[in-house]
Protein backbone atom coordinates (compact mmCIF):
# COMPACT_ATOMS: atom_id res chain seq x y z
CA MET A 1 0.00 0.00 0.00
CA THR A 2 2.81 2.39 0.91
CA GLN A 3 4.59 1.76 -2.38
CA THR A 4 1.37 2.39 -4.31
CA THR A 5 0.79 5.65 -2.42
CA ASP A 6 4.39 6.78 -2.99
CA SER A 7 4.15 6.03 -6.71
CA HIS A 8 0.88 7.95 -7.06
CA SER A 9 2.41 10.82 -5.08
CA THR A 10 5.46 10.87 -7.38
CA GLN A 11 3.27 10.89 -10.50
CA THR A 12 1.08 13.65 -9.08
CA ARG A 13 4.15 15.72 -8.22
CA GLY A 14 5.45 15.24 -11.75
CA TYR A 15 2.13 16.30 -13.29
CA LEU A 16 1.93 19.42 -11.10
CA ILE A 17 5.52 20.43 -11.89
CA CYS A 18 4.98 19.91 -15.62
CA LEU A 19 1.68 21.83 -15.56
CA THR A 20 3.42 24.72 -13.79
CA ALA A 21 6.18 24.64 -16.42
CA THR A 22 3.55 24.77 -19.16
CA ALA A 23 1.87 27.72 -17.45
CA PHE A 24 5.19 29.59 -17.52
CA TRP A 25 5.71 28.65 -21.18
CA SER A 26 2.26 29.91 -22.09
CA THR A 27 3.37 33.49 -21.38
CA THR A 28 6.18 33.21 -23.93
CA ALA A 29 4.04 34.07 -26.96
CA ILE A 30 2.79 37.23 -25.23
CA PHE A 31 6.35 38.54 -24.76
CA ILE A 32 7.60 37.43 -28.18
CA GLY A 33 4.53 38.86 -29.90
CA TYR A 34 5.12 42.21 -28.19
CA LEU A 35 8.81 42.26 -29.19
CA ASN A 36 8.02 41.34 -32.80
CA THR A 37 5.19 43.85 -33.11
CA ASN A 38 6.87 46.81 -31.45
CA TYR A 39 10.54 46.26 -32.26
CA GLY A 40 10.58 43.88 -35.24
CA LEU A 41 13.24 41.80 -33.49
CA PRO A 42 14.56 39.03 -35.80
CA PRO A 43 13.59 35.64 -34.31
CA VAL A 44 17.07 34.05 -34.30
CA VAL A 45 18.55 37.18 -32.71
CA LEU A 46 15.82 37.01 -30.08
CA ALA A 47 16.61 33.32 -29.48
CA PHE A 48 20.33 34.11 -28.98
CA TRP A 49 19.76 36.84 -26.39
CA ARG A 50 17.08 34.81 -24.65
CA ASP A 51 19.39 31.81 -24.21
CA LEU A 52 22.39 33.96 -23.24
CA MET A 53 20.40 35.86 -20.60
CA VAL A 54 19.11 32.58 -19.16
CA ALA A 55 22.65 31.22 -18.84
CA VAL A 56 24.04 34.45 -17.32
CA ALA A 57 21.14 34.81 -14.86
CA LEU A 58 21.42 31.19 -13.69
CA ALA A 59 25.21 31.41 -13.39
CA GLY A 60 24.92 34.57 -11.26
CA VAL A 61 22.30 33.12 -8.92
CA PHE A 62 24.15 29.81 -8.56
CA ALA A 63 27.47 31.57 -7.86
CA ILE A 64 25.86 33.43 -4.95
CA PHE A 65 23.46 30.86 -3.49
CA TRP A 66 24.25 27.36 -4.89
CA PRO A 67 27.88 27.19 -6.07
CA ILE A 68 27.63 23.40 -6.21
CA ARG A 69 25.26 23.72 -9.18
CA LEU A 70 28.02 25.32 -11.23
CA ARG A 71 29.98 22.09 -11.06
CA VAL A 72 29.51 19.30 -13.53
CA ALA A 73 31.47 16.09 -13.92
CA ARG A 74 33.86 16.08 -16.87
CA ARG A 75 32.24 12.93 -18.23
CA HIS A 76 28.97 14.84 -18.72
CA ILE A 77 30.40 17.77 -20.71
CA SER A 78 30.11 16.18 -24.16
CA PHE A 79 26.54 15.12 -23.36
CA LEU A 80 25.61 18.67 -22.32
CA VAL A 81 27.24 20.13 -25.44
CA LEU A 82 25.10 17.80 -27.57
CA TYR A 83 22.04 18.78 -25.52
CA GLY A 84 22.84 22.46 -26.10
CA ILE A 85 23.24 21.90 -29.84
CA LEU A 86 19.82 20.24 -29.93
CA LEU A 87 18.24 23.15 -28.03
CA SER A 88 19.82 25.67 -30.41
CA ILE A 89 18.55 23.69 -33.41
CA PHE A 90 15.04 23.61 -31.94
CA ASN A 91 15.12 27.38 -31.35
CA ALA A 92 16.39 28.04 -34.89
CA LEU A 93 13.90 25.65 -36.52
CA TRP A 94 11.02 27.13 -34.52
CA ALA A 95 11.97 30.64 -35.64
CA ALA A 96 12.26 29.51 -39.26
CA SER A 97 8.97 27.61 -39.08
CA VAL A 98 7.11 30.69 -37.85
CA ALA A 99 8.64 32.66 -40.72
CA PHE A 100 7.74 30.04 -43.35
CA ASN A 101 4.36 28.88 -42.07
CA GLY A 102 2.91 31.50 -39.74
CA ALA A 103 2.35 31.09 -36.01
CA ALA A 104 -0.74 28.87 -36.20
CA VAL A 105 0.63 26.19 -38.51
CA ALA A 106 4.08 26.37 -36.90
CA THR A 107 2.45 25.60 -33.54
CA VAL A 108 0.67 22.53 -34.93
CA LEU A 109 3.80 21.23 -36.65
CA ALA A 110 5.90 21.79 -33.50
CA TYR A 111 3.35 19.86 -31.44
CA SER A 112 3.83 16.86 -33.65
CA SER A 113 6.49 16.25 -30.98
CA PRO A 114 4.27 14.12 -28.66
CA GLY A 115 4.00 11.49 -31.38
CA PHE A 116 7.75 11.52 -32.01
CA THR A 117 8.45 11.46 -28.26
CA ALA A 118 6.07 8.57 -27.60
CA ILE A 119 7.65 6.44 -30.35
CA LEU A 120 11.26 7.34 -29.52
CA GLY A 121 10.66 7.00 -25.77
CA TRP A 122 9.22 3.54 -26.38
CA ARG A 123 12.21 2.51 -28.50
CA LEU A 124 15.00 4.16 -26.51
CA PHE A 125 13.79 4.12 -22.89
CA GLY A 126 11.26 1.29 -22.89
CA GLU A 127 8.38 3.67 -22.05
CA SER A 128 4.91 2.19 -22.44
CA LEU A 129 3.01 2.86 -25.68
CA GLY A 130 -0.52 1.71 -24.94
CA ARG A 131 -3.80 2.68 -26.54
CA TRP A 132 -4.46 5.42 -23.98
CA LYS A 133 -1.19 7.18 -24.77
CA VAL A 134 -1.85 6.90 -28.51
CA LEU A 135 -5.34 8.34 -27.95
CA ALA A 136 -3.86 11.19 -25.91
CA VAL A 137 -1.41 11.98 -28.74
CA VAL A 138 -4.28 12.09 -31.27
CA LEU A 139 -6.42 14.28 -28.99
CA SER A 140 -3.54 16.68 -28.27
CA LEU A 141 -2.74 17.15 -31.96
CA THR A 142 -6.43 17.57 -32.85
CA GLY A 143 -6.95 20.10 -30.07
CA THR A 144 -3.83 22.04 -31.06
CA VAL A 145 -5.12 22.33 -34.63
CA LEU A 146 -8.43 23.73 -33.34
CA VAL A 147 -6.93 26.15 -30.79
CA SER A 148 -4.30 27.52 -33.18
CA GLY A 149 -6.82 28.03 -36.01
CA ALA A 150 -4.83 25.80 -38.36
CA TYR A 151 -8.09 24.13 -39.50
CA ASN A 152 -8.53 27.19 -41.74
CA GLN A 153 -7.37 26.32 -45.26
CA ASP A 154 -5.83 29.78 -45.70
CA ALA A 155 -3.29 28.93 -42.99
CA TRP A 156 -1.95 25.97 -44.94
CA ARG A 157 -0.39 27.74 -47.88
CA LEU A 158 2.82 25.86 -47.34
CA ASN A 159 5.78 24.94 -49.46
CA PRO A 160 7.63 21.65 -48.95
CA LEU A 161 10.45 23.47 -47.15
CA GLY A 162 7.93 24.92 -44.69
CA VAL A 163 6.45 21.49 -43.91
CA ILE A 164 9.87 19.91 -43.45
CA THR A 165 11.04 22.76 -41.22
CA GLY A 166 7.91 22.63 -39.05
CA LEU A 167 8.00 18.85 -38.60
CA SER A 168 11.73 19.06 -37.88
CA SER A 169 11.01 21.53 -35.06
CA GLY A 170 8.63 18.95 -33.57
CA LEU A 171 11.26 16.24 -33.89
CA ALA A 172 13.87 18.53 -32.31
CA PHE A 173 11.61 19.23 -29.32
CA ALA A 174 11.00 15.50 -28.95
CA GLY A 175 14.77 15.05 -28.90
CA TYR A 176 15.07 17.82 -26.30
CA SER A 177 12.55 16.00 -24.06
CA LEU A 178 14.37 12.68 -24.42
CA MET A 179 17.74 14.30 -23.69
CA GLY A 180 16.21 15.73 -20.52
CA LYS A 181 15.14 12.22 -19.53
CA ALA A 182 18.66 10.95 -20.23
CA ALA A 183 20.14 13.77 -18.12
CA SER A 184 17.88 12.73 -15.24
CA GLN A 185 18.99 9.12 -15.56
CA ARG A 186 22.63 10.25 -15.53
CA GLY A 187 21.98 11.94 -12.19
CA ILE A 188 22.73 15.47 -13.43
CA ASP A 189 20.97 18.17 -11.38
CA PRO A 190 18.15 19.58 -13.56
CA TRP A 191 19.09 23.19 -12.88
CA THR A 192 22.74 22.49 -13.69
CA THR A 193 21.50 20.87 -16.89
CA LEU A 194 19.51 24.01 -17.69
CA LEU A 195 22.52 26.30 -17.12
CA TYR A 196 24.89 24.38 -19.36
CA THR A 197 22.43 23.54 -22.14
CA PHE A 198 21.34 27.17 -22.49
CA GLY A 199 24.95 28.35 -22.28
CA PHE A 200 26.06 26.02 -25.07
CA ALA A 201 22.88 26.79 -27.07
CA ALA A 202 23.69 30.52 -26.87
CA LEU A 203 27.16 29.87 -28.33
CA PHE A 204 25.72 27.93 -31.25
CA LEU A 205 22.97 30.50 -31.85
CA LEU A 206 25.68 33.16 -31.95
CA ALA A 207 27.36 31.14 -34.69
CA TYR A 208 24.06 30.84 -36.58
CA ASN A 209 23.58 34.61 -36.41
CA LEU A 210 27.04 35.23 -37.82
CA LEU A 211 26.21 33.21 -40.93
CA PRO A 212 25.04 35.24 -43.93
CA GLY A 213 21.29 34.98 -44.48
CA TRP A 214 17.81 36.32 -43.85
CA ILE A 215 14.75 35.01 -42.03
CA ALA A 216 11.32 36.60 -42.46
CA GLY A 217 12.92 39.48 -44.36
CA LYS A 218 15.20 40.34 -41.43
CA PRO A 219 18.98 39.94 -41.50
CA LEU A 220 20.86 37.47 -39.38
CA GLY A 221 23.87 38.85 -37.55
CA ASP A 222 22.30 42.13 -36.40
CA LEU A 223 22.77 41.17 -32.75
CA PHE A 224 22.20 44.69 -31.39
CA TRP A 225 18.94 45.20 -33.27
CA LEU A 226 17.28 46.79 -30.21
CA GLY A 227 19.97 49.49 -29.96
CA ASP A 228 19.14 51.92 -27.17
CA ALA A 229 15.53 50.69 -26.80
CA TRP A 230 15.96 49.93 -23.10
CA ALA A 231 12.32 48.98 -22.64
CA GLY A 232 12.78 46.32 -25.32
CA TRP A 233 15.89 44.97 -23.60
CA ALA A 234 13.99 44.88 -20.29
CA ILE A 235 11.13 42.90 -21.83
CA LEU A 236 13.63 40.53 -23.43
CA PHE A 237 15.25 39.99 -20.02
CA VAL A 238 11.89 39.28 -18.40
CA LEU A 239 11.15 36.81 -21.21
CA ALA A 240 14.41 35.02 -20.40
CA VAL A 241 14.05 35.03 -16.61
CA VAL A 242 10.35 34.25 -16.13
CA PRO A 243 8.80 32.05 -18.86
CA THR A 244 12.08 30.55 -20.11
CA ILE A 245 13.76 29.65 -16.83
CA GLY A 246 10.42 28.81 -15.22
CA GLY A 247 9.21 26.80 -18.21
CA PHE A 248 12.31 24.93 -19.32
CA GLY A 249 13.62 24.57 -15.76
CA LEU A 250 10.50 23.02 -14.28
CA TYR A 251 9.94 20.93 -17.42
CA THR A 252 13.44 19.47 -16.97
CA VAL A 253 12.66 18.79 -13.29
CA SER A 254 9.40 17.03 -14.23
CA LEU A 255 11.33 14.59 -16.43
CA GLY A 256 12.76 13.14 -13.23
CA TYR A 257 9.23 12.08 -12.25
CA LEU A 258 7.47 11.37 -15.55
CA PRO A 259 8.16 9.54 -18.81
CA ALA A 260 9.31 11.99 -21.49
CA SER A 261 6.25 11.16 -23.62
CA VAL A 262 3.86 12.03 -20.78
CA ALA A 263 5.60 15.33 -20.01
CA ASN A 264 5.56 16.22 -23.71
CA LEU A 265 1.82 15.54 -23.89
CA ILE A 266 1.14 17.74 -20.86
CA ALA A 267 3.09 20.53 -22.58
CA THR A 268 0.51 20.56 -25.37
CA LEU A 269 -1.70 22.50 -22.95
CA GLU A 270 0.49 25.52 -23.72
CA PRO A 271 -1.64 26.85 -26.64
CA VAL A 272 -4.76 26.62 -24.47
CA MET A 273 -3.13 28.54 -21.63
CA THR A 274 -1.70 31.10 -24.06
CA ALA A 275 -5.14 31.69 -25.58
CA ALA A 276 -6.59 32.17 -22.08
CA LEU A 277 -3.85 34.69 -21.17
CA ALA A 278 -4.36 36.53 -24.46
CA TYR A 279 -8.06 36.82 -23.58
CA ILE A 280 -7.31 38.12 -20.07
CA PHE A 281 -4.48 40.56 -20.85
CA LEU A 282 -4.92 41.43 -24.53
CA GLY A 283 -8.69 41.15 -24.89
CA GLU A 284 -8.39 38.49 -27.60
CA ARG A 285 -11.57 36.42 -27.57
CA MET A 286 -11.55 32.65 -28.04
CA THR A 287 -13.99 31.24 -30.55
CA VAL A 288 -16.27 28.29 -29.85
CA VAL A 289 -13.95 26.11 -31.96
CA GLN A 290 -10.91 27.20 -29.91
CA LEU A 291 -12.73 26.51 -26.65
CA PHE A 292 -13.67 23.06 -27.92
CA GLY A 293 -10.06 22.44 -28.99
CA GLY A 294 -8.88 23.36 -25.51
CA LEU A 295 -11.37 20.91 -24.02
CA VAL A 296 -10.07 18.19 -26.37
CA ILE A 297 -6.46 18.74 -25.22
CA VAL A 298 -7.44 18.78 -21.55
CA THR A 299 -9.46 15.60 -22.06
CA GLY A 300 -6.42 13.87 -23.54
CA VAL A 301 -4.22 14.84 -20.58
CA VAL A 302 -6.87 13.78 -18.04
CA LEU A 303 -7.37 10.42 -19.74
CA LEU A 304 -3.62 9.93 -19.77
CA ARG A 305 -3.36 10.72 -16.05
CA ILE A 306 -6.17 8.27 -15.20
CA SER A 307 -4.66 5.52 -17.35
CA GLU A 308 -1.18 6.07 -15.88
CA GLY A 309 -2.62 5.82 -12.36
CA ARG A 310 -4.50 2.63 -13.14
CA SER A 311 -1.45 1.11 -14.81
CA THR A 312 0.74 1.84 -11.80
CA SER A 313 -1.84 0.41 -9.41
CA SER A 314 -2.22 -2.76 -11.51
CA VAL A 315 1.53 -3.35 -11.73
CA GLN A 316 2.07 -2.84 -8.02
CA ALA A 317 -0.92 -5.00 -7.11
CA ALA A 318 0.54 -7.78 -9.24
CA GLY A 319 3.86 -7.32 -7.46
CA VAL A 320 2.23 -7.60 -4.04
CA ALA A 321 0.33 -10.73 -5.14
CA ASP A 322 3.57 -12.33 -6.33
């Protein structure tokens, strides 16, 4: 009985942490939308400063309060470099997908990640892939289409490069989730993981920005695009400290309690929470279709939670009987 209670408690803690992470993430679009609308900040430049500010802020706080979190075993360095590369690729692909496809379709293509994560988690980590998880993946993708408005045919004026880029962003986020699970299994502190992955990602994003090229009609390499717009820099810093550290940090922590596929499915609640925040703070009204889409996503997560609880209880009951 005690083991069953502890397992349920661990799962519940993981769900609550991941839901909190998703709530932080849901504010991201509000900040990025404001920066794009008012300052025209190129997306890959934004991604570089966002990741750099996260790394600097975490390093400063750890140096003062938790110096031990600055330390990482030498054997983990190459793993964290690879993790940082994957994060930088996800950030770059997401920015490119928004430019090619628009925000609505880019969101749907990025949230193809639960399917990728479920399959890869099953193959690489032996995570379960039952009918309830498959149903939750289908419901999350369907709900995301409805909430984002991607059911409108006008949103799908895509070229093959746009489709490939969008799906690749979903695959990259699935890889990010699985790398987080691997970091947990290696025993690396989740906040140390966050510091080093964002630090390495910032270095690679700097390299991307120094390459010649344009995204969404805006040049790469113009790192000081904001100039003396101090309000813009302040908003960018808040974006890094609040939704990014809160979202990615707690998401990484949740991977110590949940399968990567489950955490990734919970994260699909982000568009629903973003739409709710846009309604509260920006006066943007949700349509009946969007509300229904939100209900579909929530239903998928609830069904997943119930099935996970029943599965744990069944396995432990069988163990007690044996």
